[in-house]
Amino acid sequence: MGIDLAKMKAKQAALTNRSGGSDDNHYWKPDEGTHQIRLVCPEGGDPFFEAYYHYGMGAEGKTTVLSPRTNGDADPIAEWGTKLWNEGTDASKEAAKRFWPKMRVFAPIVVRGEEGKGVRWWGFSRTTYQALLDVVLDPEYGDITDTETGTDIRIDYGKKQGQSFPTTDVRPMRRTSKLAATDEEVNTLLGNIAAAADVFDVTSYEECERILSATLGETTVDDSDGTTRYNNDNANQKADNSDSTLKGVSDIDSAFNELMA
């Protein structure tokens, strides 16, 4: 039997585009419209997982990296961004923005009407995170994740008139409800919450170094002043050139805004 090229391409894509997860069944992304969800709290008492991503990395600018900073560890890509910023020029500060990770928050949820799909991880923006924290900390609602007397959340997702990107509006339901109809169903849902460490594949320091090198194209060290500089044909930029620009930064930001809604 010959090699299955389709499977090989899938494996290659998995290695190249490190999106932080390996199984789409673990994730939920809302379609445009109104949805009712229930936040579920895993062991440890914290339903929110803060992940830090680098977008637009690699030789072709298509690689996504889940930063080691997610686990509080050193990140050479972010360190490079800080080094550029500290060079102090307008060009280097603009270039630095590409190399700092952006936060995206995830929470385990049950989608009403789709309980059979179990608990999935929903990713959302800092703005939505703040709105959810406001509800979680509001004494009027108590523990909204309580399996007996918790509160579902209504979210309205989509682009409003005049908006370039979709937004998420969060509103708690007026009545409390059980997580599921029976104790057995509740236990099944709680027992099947995938641990964040199993779902989110944080990139190692060494792999980040490799991806950074591929992103930069070529690195050199200028011993005269101790500053690391680079030529990046992919980004059409030199950090020490006052006329340099980060080609495609607007496209990267636009894609990120779309993702973070």
Protein backbone atom coordinates (compact mmCIF):
# COMPACT_ATOMS: atom_id res chain seq x y z
CA MET A 1 0.00 0.00 0.00
CA GLY A 2 1.34 3.43 -0.96
CA ILE A 3 1.72 6.35 1.38
CA ASP A 4 -1.44 8.36 2.12
CA LEU A 5 -0.47 11.87 1.05
CA ALA A 6 -3.63 13.38 2.54
CA LYS A 7 -2.69 12.07 5.97
CA MET A 8 0.87 13.27 5.53
CA LYS A 9 -0.35 16.76 4.66
CA ALA A 10 -2.56 16.76 7.75
CA LYS A 11 0.41 15.83 9.91
CA GLN A 12 2.50 18.57 8.30
CA ALA A 13 -0.24 21.13 8.94
CA ALA A 14 -0.46 20.05 12.57
CA LEU A 15 3.26 20.64 13.01
CA THR A 16 3.30 23.95 11.15
CA ASN A 17 0.18 25.58 12.51
CA ARG A 18 0.44 25.13 16.24
CA SER A 19 -2.94 26.48 17.27
CA GLY A 20 -2.84 25.20 20.86
CA GLY A 21 -5.21 22.30 20.52
CA SER A 22 -5.40 18.95 18.82
CA ASP A 23 -9.08 18.05 18.81
CA ASP A 24 -11.78 20.33 17.42
CA ASN A 25 -14.34 18.44 19.51
CA HIS A 26 -12.88 20.15 22.57
CA TYR A 27 -13.80 23.61 21.28
CA TRP A 28 -16.92 25.64 20.63
CA LYS A 29 -17.17 28.81 18.56
CA PRO A 30 -20.55 30.54 18.32
CA ASP A 31 -22.26 31.06 15.01
CA GLU A 32 -23.77 34.47 14.49
CA GLY A 33 -26.90 34.80 16.59
CA THR A 34 -28.08 34.09 20.14
CA HIS A 35 -26.85 31.18 22.26
CA GLN A 36 -27.50 30.02 25.81
CA ILE A 37 -24.56 28.48 27.65
CA ARG A 38 -23.64 27.31 31.12
CA LEU A 39 -20.21 27.97 32.56
CA VAL A 40 -18.80 24.84 34.21
CA CYS A 41 -16.15 25.00 36.90
CA PRO A 42 -13.39 22.36 36.89
CA GLU A 43 -11.52 21.25 39.99
CA GLY A 44 -9.50 24.08 41.46
CA GLY A 45 -12.30 26.64 41.43
CA ASP A 46 -11.20 28.67 38.39
CA PRO A 47 -13.26 28.28 35.20
CA PHE A 48 -11.04 30.62 33.17
CA PHE A 49 -7.85 29.66 31.37
CA GLU A 50 -5.70 32.55 30.13
CA ALA A 51 -3.71 31.62 27.03
CA TYR A 52 -1.14 33.77 25.24
CA TYR A 53 -0.71 33.43 21.50
CA HIS A 54 1.71 34.62 18.83
CA TYR A 55 0.05 35.01 15.45
CA GLY A 56 1.61 35.32 12.01
CA MET A 57 4.88 33.60 12.86
CA GLY A 58 7.13 31.38 10.74
CA ALA A 59 8.77 31.80 7.35
CA GLU A 60 5.41 32.29 5.63
CA GLY A 61 3.75 34.22 8.45
CA LYS A 62 1.08 31.56 8.95
CA THR A 63 2.16 29.83 12.15
CA THR A 64 0.30 30.29 15.43
CA VAL A 65 2.22 29.66 18.65
CA LEU A 66 0.83 29.09 22.13
CA SER A 67 3.42 30.98 24.16
CA PRO A 68 5.22 29.39 27.12
CA ARG A 69 4.11 32.49 29.03
CA THR A 70 0.76 30.72 29.26
CA ASN A 71 2.41 28.58 31.94
CA GLY A 72 4.49 31.43 33.33
CA ASP A 73 7.65 30.30 31.53
CA ALA A 74 10.19 32.24 29.46
CA ASP A 75 9.28 32.94 25.83
CA PRO A 76 12.11 33.79 23.38
CA ILE A 77 9.66 35.33 20.90
CA ALA A 78 8.37 37.77 23.51
CA GLU A 79 11.93 38.38 24.69
CA TRP A 80 12.84 39.36 21.14
CA GLY A 81 9.95 41.83 21.10
CA THR A 82 11.15 43.36 24.35
CA LYS A 83 14.67 43.65 22.98
CA LEU A 84 13.38 45.49 19.92
CA TRP A 85 11.32 47.83 22.09
CA ASN A 86 14.33 48.63 24.23
CA GLU A 87 16.29 49.75 21.16
CA GLY A 88 14.11 52.84 21.49
CA THR A 89 13.51 53.84 17.85
CA ASP A 90 10.04 54.35 16.42
CA ALA A 91 10.74 51.58 13.91
CA SER A 92 11.93 49.07 16.51
CA LYS A 93 8.98 49.81 18.79
CA GLU A 94 6.56 49.28 15.93
CA ALA A 95 8.30 46.03 14.99
CA ALA A 96 8.24 44.85 18.61
CA LYS A 97 4.44 44.67 18.66
CA ARG A 98 4.47 41.66 16.37
CA PHE A 99 6.45 39.59 18.84
CA TRP A 100 4.44 40.13 22.01
CA PRO A 101 1.82 37.49 22.72
CA LYS A 102 -1.87 38.37 22.80
CA MET A 103 -4.17 37.01 25.47
CA ARG A 104 -7.19 34.91 24.67
CA VAL A 105 -9.30 33.39 27.44
CA PHE A 106 -11.03 30.01 27.43
CA ALA A 107 -13.69 28.53 29.69
CA PRO A 108 -15.40 25.12 29.82
CA ILE A 109 -19.08 25.40 28.94
CA VAL A 110 -22.19 23.42 28.13
CA VAL A 111 -24.19 24.78 25.20
CA ARG A 112 -27.91 24.48 25.78
CA GLY A 113 -29.50 22.32 23.13
CA GLU A 114 -26.16 20.61 22.55
CA GLU A 115 -25.69 18.94 25.92
CA GLY A 116 -24.97 15.66 24.15
CA LYS A 117 -21.69 17.13 22.91
CA GLY A 118 -20.51 17.45 26.49
CA VAL A 119 -18.33 20.15 28.01
CA ARG A 120 -16.33 22.15 25.46
CA TRP A 121 -13.88 25.02 25.69
CA TRP A 122 -15.07 28.41 24.46
CA GLY A 123 -12.45 31.03 23.55
CA PHE A 124 -13.22 34.74 23.84
CA SER A 125 -11.70 38.19 24.04
CA ARG A 126 -10.52 40.25 26.97
CA THR A 127 -13.70 42.36 26.66
CA THR A 128 -15.94 39.30 26.94
CA TYR A 129 -13.77 38.03 29.79
CA GLN A 130 -14.41 41.24 31.71
CA ALA A 131 -18.15 40.98 31.10
CA LEU A 132 -18.19 37.38 32.36
CA LEU A 133 -16.14 38.31 35.44
CA ASP A 134 -18.64 41.07 36.21
CA VAL A 135 -21.40 38.46 36.29
CA VAL A 136 -19.33 35.93 38.26
CA LEU A 137 -18.50 38.53 40.91
CA ASP A 138 -22.01 39.98 41.15
CA PRO A 139 -23.47 38.85 44.53
CA GLU A 140 -26.96 38.93 43.01
CA TYR A 141 -26.19 35.72 41.14
CA GLY A 142 -24.08 33.79 43.61
CA ASP A 143 -22.08 30.94 42.10
CA ILE A 144 -23.30 30.86 38.50
CA THR A 145 -21.55 27.50 37.98
CA ASP A 146 -23.46 25.75 40.78
CA THR A 147 -24.91 22.53 39.36
CA GLU A 148 -28.24 22.98 41.19
CA THR A 149 -28.81 26.74 41.46
CA GLY A 150 -26.47 28.20 38.88
CA THR A 151 -27.25 30.69 36.13
CA ASP A 152 -27.06 30.25 32.39
CA ILE A 153 -25.55 32.96 30.24
CA ARG A 154 -27.10 34.34 27.07
CA ILE A 155 -24.63 35.52 24.48
CA ASP A 156 -25.45 37.49 21.35
CA TYR A 157 -22.69 37.14 18.80
CA GLY A 158 -22.34 38.99 15.51
CA LYS A 159 -21.58 42.24 13.74
CA LYS A 160 -23.71 45.22 14.64
CA GLN A 161 -24.49 47.91 12.12
CA GLY A 162 -21.36 49.88 11.31
CA GLN A 163 -18.99 47.38 12.97
CA SER A 164 -16.05 45.84 11.15
CA PHE A 165 -15.78 42.87 13.49
CA PRO A 166 -18.27 40.73 15.40
CA THR A 167 -18.79 41.35 19.10
CA THR A 168 -20.15 39.26 21.95
CA ASP A 169 -22.79 40.61 24.33
CA VAL A 170 -23.14 38.77 27.64
CA ARG A 171 -26.31 38.66 29.73
CA PRO A 172 -27.20 36.33 32.63
CA MET A 173 -30.60 34.62 32.51
CA ARG A 174 -33.17 35.77 35.05
CA ARG A 175 -33.86 32.33 36.51
CA THR A 176 -31.52 29.80 38.02
CA SER A 177 -31.41 26.28 36.66
CA LYS A 178 -29.77 22.89 37.10
CA LEU A 179 -26.78 22.01 34.98
CA ALA A 180 -28.59 18.88 33.80
CA ALA A 181 -31.86 17.08 34.47
CA THR A 182 -30.44 14.24 36.55
CA ASP A 183 -27.55 13.75 38.93
CA GLU A 184 -26.16 11.08 36.61
CA GLU A 185 -26.06 13.55 33.72
CA VAL A 186 -24.44 16.18 35.92
CA ASN A 187 -21.76 13.73 37.03
CA THR A 188 -21.13 12.69 33.43
CA LEU A 189 -20.63 16.29 32.33
CA LEU A 190 -18.35 17.15 35.25
CA GLY A 191 -16.37 13.96 34.82
CA ASN A 192 -15.69 14.68 31.17
CA ILE A 193 -14.19 18.16 31.47
CA ALA A 194 -10.96 17.99 29.51
CA ALA A 195 -8.10 19.44 31.55
CA ALA A 196 -6.58 22.58 30.09
CA ALA A 197 -3.14 20.95 30.13
CA ASP A 198 -4.48 18.17 27.91
CA VAL A 199 -6.25 20.51 25.49
CA PHE A 200 -3.76 23.35 25.09
CA ASP A 201 -0.38 22.36 23.70
CA VAL A 202 2.05 25.00 24.95
CA THR A 203 5.06 25.44 22.67
CA SER A 204 8.46 24.69 24.20
CA TYR A 205 11.18 27.31 24.54
CA GLU A 206 13.33 25.49 21.98
CA GLU A 207 10.50 25.28 19.46
CA CYS A 208 9.78 28.98 19.95
CA GLU A 209 13.43 29.71 19.18
CA ARG A 210 13.17 27.71 15.96
CA ILE A 211 9.97 29.48 14.91
CA LEU A 212 11.48 32.86 15.77
CA SER A 213 14.49 32.12 13.57
CA ALA A 214 12.19 31.11 10.72
CA THR A 215 10.17 34.31 11.22
CA LEU A 216 13.21 36.55 11.14
CA GLY A 217 14.79 34.83 8.17
CA GLU A 218 18.34 35.75 9.24
CA THR A 219 19.86 37.05 12.46
CA THR A 220 23.20 38.69 13.09
CA VAL A 221 24.85 40.22 16.12
CA ASP A 222 26.40 43.67 15.86
CA ASP A 223 29.27 43.51 18.35
CA SER A 224 29.87 47.24 18.14
CA ASP A 225 26.92 48.06 20.36
CA GLY A 226 25.71 44.67 21.51
CA THR A 227 22.37 45.03 19.78
CA THR A 228 20.84 42.11 17.93
CA ARG A 229 19.43 43.17 14.58
CA TYR A 230 17.82 41.26 11.78
CA ASN A 231 16.95 41.25 8.12
CA ASN A 232 13.43 39.97 7.58
CA ASP A 233 12.52 39.64 3.91
CA ASN A 234 9.17 38.13 4.88
CA ALA A 235 8.16 41.26 6.76
CA ASN A 236 10.08 43.63 4.46
CA GLN A 237 11.65 45.25 7.46
CA LYS A 238 14.89 46.12 9.28
CA ALA A 239 14.59 47.08 12.90
CA ASP A 240 17.44 49.60 12.71
CA ASN A 241 16.09 51.45 9.65
CA SER A 242 14.01 54.50 10.48
CA ASP A 243 11.98 54.08 7.27
CA SER A 244 11.16 50.43 7.99
CA THR A 245 7.60 49.17 8.24
CA LEU A 246 6.04 45.91 9.32
CA LYS A 247 4.45 44.72 6.12
CA GLY A 248 1.14 43.00 6.75
CA VAL A 249 0.74 44.18 10.32
CA SER A 250 -2.72 45.57 9.52
CA ASP A 251 -3.74 42.19 8.11
CA ILE A 252 -2.45 40.42 11.22
CA ASP A 253 -4.31 42.83 13.48
CA SER A 254 -7.50 42.48 11.46
CA ALA A 255 -7.38 38.71 11.68
CA PHE A 256 -6.72 38.92 15.42
CA ASN A 257 -9.67 41.31 15.93
CA GLU A 258 -11.90 38.87 14.09
CA LEU A 259 -10.69 36.01 16.26
CA MET A 260 -10.97 37.91 19.52
CA ALA A 261 -14.61 39.01 19.13
